[in-house]
Protein backbone atom coordinates (compact mmCIF):
# COMPACT_ATOMS: atom_id res chain seq x y z
CA UNK A 1 -6.89 16.62 44.02
CA UNK A 2 -4.40 17.37 41.08
CA UNK A 3 -4.53 15.50 37.88
CA UNK A 4 -1.55 12.97 37.52
CA UNK A 5 1.06 14.03 35.09
CA UNK A 6 0.88 12.16 31.78
CA UNK A 7 4.08 10.74 30.38
CA UNK A 8 3.98 10.62 26.62
CA UNK A 9 4.71 7.15 25.25
CA UNK A 10 8.32 6.58 23.96
CA UNK A 11 8.41 5.02 20.51
CA UNK A 12 11.08 4.22 17.96
CA UNK A 13 10.88 4.54 14.09
CA UNK A 14 10.94 1.97 11.54
CA UNK A 15 11.25 3.00 7.91
CA UNK A 16 10.25 0.09 5.81
CA UNK A 17 11.06 0.22 2.05
CA UNK A 18 10.40 -2.06 -1.06
CA UNK A 19 13.31 -2.45 -3.19
CA UNK A 20 13.42 -0.34 -6.44
CA UNK A 21 12.00 -1.72 -9.66
CA UNK A 22 13.60 -4.71 -11.41
CA UNK A 23 13.18 -6.58 -14.81
CA UNK A 24 12.24 -10.14 -14.20
CA UNK A 25 12.22 -11.21 -17.89
CA UNK A 26 14.71 -10.24 -20.49
CA UNK A 27 14.02 -8.91 -24.10
CA UNK A 28 13.53 -12.46 -25.43
CA UNK A 29 10.88 -13.25 -22.67
CA UNK A 30 13.31 -15.52 -20.76
CA UNK A 31 12.99 -15.18 -16.88
CA UNK A 32 15.83 -13.73 -15.01
CA UNK A 33 16.90 -15.50 -11.67
CA UNK A 34 14.98 -13.52 -8.99
CA UNK A 35 17.75 -14.15 -6.40
CA UNK A 36 20.28 -12.28 -8.79
CA UNK A 37 18.35 -9.68 -10.52
CA UNK A 38 19.60 -6.07 -10.11
CA UNK A 39 17.71 -2.74 -10.23
CA UNK A 40 16.77 -1.54 -13.64
CA UNK A 41 16.91 2.25 -14.57
CA UNK A 42 13.58 2.89 -12.95
CA UNK A 43 14.54 1.17 -9.82
CA UNK A 44 17.79 3.01 -9.52
CA UNK A 45 16.06 6.35 -9.98
CA UNK A 46 13.31 5.29 -7.28
CA UNK A 47 16.09 4.36 -4.82
CA UNK A 48 17.99 7.59 -5.33
CA UNK A 49 14.66 9.54 -4.97
CA UNK A 50 13.92 7.83 -1.65
CA UNK A 51 17.25 8.74 -0.49
CA UNK A 52 16.89 12.34 -1.47
CA UNK A 53 13.48 12.51 0.49
CA UNK A 54 15.25 11.20 3.53
CA UNK A 55 18.04 13.67 3.28
CA UNK A 56 15.62 16.65 2.63
CA UNK A 57 13.86 15.68 5.99
CA UNK A 58 17.08 15.32 7.79
CA UNK A 59 16.60 11.64 8.63
CA UNK A 60 19.33 9.74 10.20
CA UNK A 61 19.50 5.97 10.42
CA UNK A 62 21.08 4.05 13.41
CA UNK A 63 20.80 0.67 11.64
CA UNK A 64 20.09 -0.14 7.91
CA UNK A 65 18.97 -3.83 7.17
CA UNK A 66 18.32 -5.57 3.73
CA UNK A 67 17.34 -8.95 3.07
CA UNK A 68 20.65 -9.76 1.26
CA UNK A 69 19.17 -10.34 -2.20
CA UNK A 70 20.83 -7.93 -4.51
CA UNK A 71 17.83 -5.72 -5.37
CA UNK A 72 17.38 -4.75 -1.77
CA UNK A 73 21.19 -4.23 -0.98
CA UNK A 74 21.52 -2.14 -4.17
CA UNK A 75 18.39 -0.04 -3.17
CA UNK A 76 19.78 0.42 0.57
CA UNK A 77 23.26 1.50 -0.72
CA UNK A 78 21.83 4.14 -3.20
CA UNK A 79 19.50 5.44 -0.46
CA UNK A 80 22.63 5.94 1.83
CA UNK A 81 24.66 7.46 -1.07
CA UNK A 82 22.13 10.16 -1.73
CA UNK A 83 22.01 10.79 2.02
CA UNK A 84 25.78 10.97 2.32
CA UNK A 85 25.55 8.44 5.12
CA UNK A 86 28.14 6.13 6.37
CA UNK A 87 26.09 3.27 7.81
CA UNK A 88 26.88 -0.23 7.02
CA UNK A 89 24.12 -2.43 5.29
CA UNK A 90 23.32 -5.38 7.53
CA UNK A 91 21.82 -8.52 5.99
CA UNK A 92 18.90 -10.47 7.52
CA UNK A 93 18.11 -13.50 5.21
CA UNK A 94 14.76 -14.21 7.24
CA UNK A 95 13.40 -11.21 5.37
CA UNK A 96 13.96 -12.57 1.86
CA UNK A 97 10.76 -12.37 -0.27
CA UNK A 98 8.06 -14.96 0.07
CA UNK A 99 9.42 -18.22 -1.47
CA UNK A 100 7.80 -19.47 -4.73
CA UNK A 101 7.63 -22.82 -6.29
CA UNK A 102 8.31 -23.27 -10.00
CA UNK A 103 5.44 -21.61 -11.93
CA UNK A 104 6.53 -23.27 -15.11
CA UNK A 105 5.47 -26.52 -13.63
CA UNK A 106 2.13 -25.69 -12.57
CA UNK A 107 -0.91 -26.61 -14.55
CA UNK A 108 -2.23 -23.79 -16.84
CA UNK A 109 -5.69 -23.83 -15.18
CA UNK A 110 -3.96 -23.23 -11.78
CA UNK A 111 -1.51 -20.48 -12.86
CA UNK A 112 -3.60 -17.27 -12.27
CA UNK A 113 -4.60 -18.32 -8.74
CA UNK A 114 -1.06 -19.38 -8.04
CA UNK A 115 0.13 -15.94 -8.78
CA UNK A 116 -2.46 -13.83 -7.35
CA UNK A 117 -4.26 -15.48 -4.64
CA UNK A 118 -1.60 -14.76 -1.96
CA UNK A 119 -2.04 -11.00 -2.55
CA UNK A 120 -5.92 -10.91 -2.83
CA UNK A 121 -7.64 -9.36 0.10
CA UNK A 122 -7.47 -11.05 3.48
CA UNK A 123 -5.45 -14.22 2.92
CA UNK A 124 -5.66 -17.37 4.88
CA UNK A 125 -2.24 -18.72 6.34
CA UNK A 126 -2.66 -21.89 4.21
CA UNK A 127 -2.54 -20.24 0.91
CA UNK A 128 0.74 -20.92 -0.89
CA UNK A 129 2.43 -18.55 -3.21
CA UNK A 130 3.12 -20.03 -6.64
CA UNK A 131 3.11 -23.51 -5.17
CA UNK A 132 5.87 -22.63 -2.44
CA UNK A 133 5.77 -21.04 0.84
CA UNK A 134 2.41 -20.49 2.58
CA UNK A 135 1.42 -17.17 4.22
CA UNK A 136 1.61 -18.90 7.65
CA UNK A 137 5.28 -19.98 6.93
CA UNK A 138 6.02 -16.51 5.82
CA UNK A 139 4.92 -15.22 9.21
CA UNK A 140 6.73 -17.85 11.09
CA UNK A 141 9.93 -16.72 9.08
CA UNK A 142 9.65 -13.01 9.36
CA UNK A 143 8.15 -12.32 12.84
CA UNK A 144 10.89 -13.76 14.85
CA UNK A 145 13.34 -11.46 13.16
CA UNK A 146 11.13 -8.42 13.71
CA UNK A 147 10.86 -9.50 17.49
CA UNK A 148 14.62 -9.55 17.62
CA UNK A 149 14.89 -6.05 16.03
CA UNK A 150 12.58 -4.68 18.69
CA UNK A 151 14.57 -6.39 21.45
CA UNK A 152 17.66 -4.49 20.43
CA UNK A 153 17.59 -1.19 22.39
CA UNK A 154 20.70 0.31 20.71
CA UNK A 155 18.61 2.05 17.97
CA UNK A 156 16.07 4.68 17.62
CA UNK A 157 15.52 4.95 13.76
CA UNK A 158 16.07 1.97 11.38
CA UNK A 159 15.69 1.42 7.73
CA UNK A 160 14.53 -1.93 6.54
CA UNK A 161 14.83 -2.43 2.72
CA UNK A 162 12.90 -5.57 1.83
CA UNK A 163 10.23 -6.89 -0.56
CA UNK A 164 6.44 -6.60 -1.34
CA UNK A 165 5.35 -9.82 0.27
CA UNK A 166 7.47 -9.50 3.33
CA UNK A 167 6.44 -5.87 3.78
CA UNK A 168 2.81 -6.87 3.73
CA UNK A 169 3.40 -9.42 6.37
CA UNK A 170 5.13 -6.74 8.62
CA UNK A 171 2.52 -4.10 7.88
CA UNK A 172 -0.30 -6.50 8.64
CA UNK A 173 1.33 -7.38 11.76
CA UNK A 174 1.64 -3.77 12.82
CA UNK A 175 -1.94 -2.94 11.61
CA UNK A 176 -3.41 -5.66 13.70
CA UNK A 177 -1.26 -4.61 16.84
CA UNK A 178 0.83 -7.85 16.84
CA UNK A 179 -1.48 -10.23 14.94
CA UNK A 180 -1.06 -12.55 12.15
CA UNK A 181 -3.88 -11.55 9.69
CA UNK A 182 -2.27 -10.99 6.25
CA UNK A 183 -3.74 -8.12 4.12
CA UNK A 184 -2.63 -9.02 0.70
CA UNK A 185 -4.39 -5.91 -0.90
CA UNK A 186 -1.87 -3.46 0.82
CA UNK A 187 -0.07 -1.91 -2.25
CA UNK A 188 3.70 -1.81 -2.19
CA UNK A 189 5.02 0.08 -4.99
CA UNK A 190 8.66 -0.63 -6.02
CA UNK A 191 10.85 1.83 -4.10
CA UNK A 192 8.01 2.80 -1.53
CA UNK A 193 8.46 3.95 2.07
CA UNK A 194 6.37 3.12 4.96
CA UNK A 195 6.81 4.51 8.37
CA UNK A 196 5.95 2.54 11.61
CA UNK A 197 6.30 3.72 15.18
CA UNK A 198 6.88 0.92 17.84
CA UNK A 199 6.80 1.15 21.62
CA UNK A 200 8.01 -1.24 24.34
CA UNK A 201 4.65 -3.17 24.66
CA UNK A 202 4.27 -5.93 22.09
CA UNK A 203 0.92 -4.43 21.05
CA UNK A 204 2.19 -0.79 20.69
CA UNK A 205 2.40 -0.01 16.98
CA UNK A 206 1.40 3.11 15.26
CA UNK A 207 1.12 3.12 11.54
CA UNK A 208 2.29 6.48 10.33
CA UNK A 209 2.65 6.05 6.51
CA UNK A 210 2.11 3.36 3.96
CA UNK A 211 3.32 3.08 0.19
CA UNK A 212 4.73 6.56 -0.28
CA UNK A 213 6.59 6.71 -3.49
CA UNK A 214 8.84 9.45 -3.77
CA UNK A 215 8.69 9.73 -7.58
CA UNK A 216 5.03 9.25 -7.85
CA UNK A 217 3.39 10.16 -4.35
CA UNK A 218 -0.18 10.15 -5.82
CA UNK A 219 0.25 6.82 -7.84
CA UNK A 220 -1.81 8.63 -10.56
CA UNK A 221 -1.18 6.17 -13.35
CA UNK A 222 -1.10 2.76 -11.57
CA UNK A 223 -4.33 0.76 -11.16
CA UNK A 224 -2.90 -2.72 -11.16
CA UNK A 225 -1.03 -4.69 -8.62
CA UNK A 226 2.71 -5.64 -9.07
CA UNK A 227 1.74 -9.40 -9.09
CA UNK A 228 -0.87 -8.65 -11.88
CA UNK A 229 1.74 -6.91 -13.95
CA UNK A 230 4.18 -9.78 -13.30
CA UNK A 231 1.54 -12.38 -14.20
CA UNK A 232 0.78 -10.64 -17.49
CA UNK A 233 4.63 -10.62 -18.28
CA UNK A 234 4.93 -14.23 -17.46
CA UNK A 235 1.87 -15.24 -19.64
CA UNK A 236 3.46 -13.21 -22.49
CA UNK A 237 6.81 -14.93 -21.99
CA UNK A 238 5.36 -18.26 -22.23
CA UNK A 239 3.67 -17.21 -25.51
CA UNK A 240 6.79 -15.77 -27.04
C-alpha cells in the first residue's frame, strides 16, 4: 500500500512591527501628548532601516495597516518609502496602544506597579495599565480585529505597524496557538519586526521571528525594558 501524498499546509505571513522611537517628555520634563507624538530622529532611522531590510529581501505587502496614531502611520509610510512601494496605509483604531489612566493622579506608592506590572512576566487579565485598561480589555479589543484580518482572503503578506503592548497581546495569542495568556516580558524594541505565519485553522500559528531590530539585531547595549526606561523618565520629569 503506497503512502498517501502529503499536502504542505498553506500559510500567510504577518509582519508585525512596533513603531519607531518617540520622545514622550520634552527638554523641560513636560509630558508630550502620546496620541500626537511623532517619531524622533532615532525613530525615523529605525523605520527607514526596517524598510531597507524589507526591500533587500524583496518583500512585498498586499496590505499595510497602522493603528492610526501618528507614530505608527509615520513608521509605516517611511517603511514603504524605502521600499518604493505604492500601498495605502489602512487604519485600524482597535489596535491603538493599551489605554492608560492618568499617572499623575496615582499615589506615589502605587506608581512603580502601575507602570511596570502590566509587562512583568505572565500577566493576569485583571491587571490594569497605569490605572486604565486591563489586559483582558486589551485582548477583547485587539483579537476581533485580528480575526477579521484572518477572515480576509485577499492578502498573502500583510504589514501591521502597531505598539509594544498590542504587539505583546498578538504575539502571546500566536505563541499560545489562539489563547489569551499575556506574556508581558516579550521585548518589543522600537522599530522592531516580528514575523508570524497563519493558516486557515484557528490554532494554526507559526512564530517565525520576534523583536528583530534592523539597526541593532543583537540588542547588545539594552538590558532594560521600554517601560522601565519610560518610568525612569517620568520620575525624573516629576522631580524637575
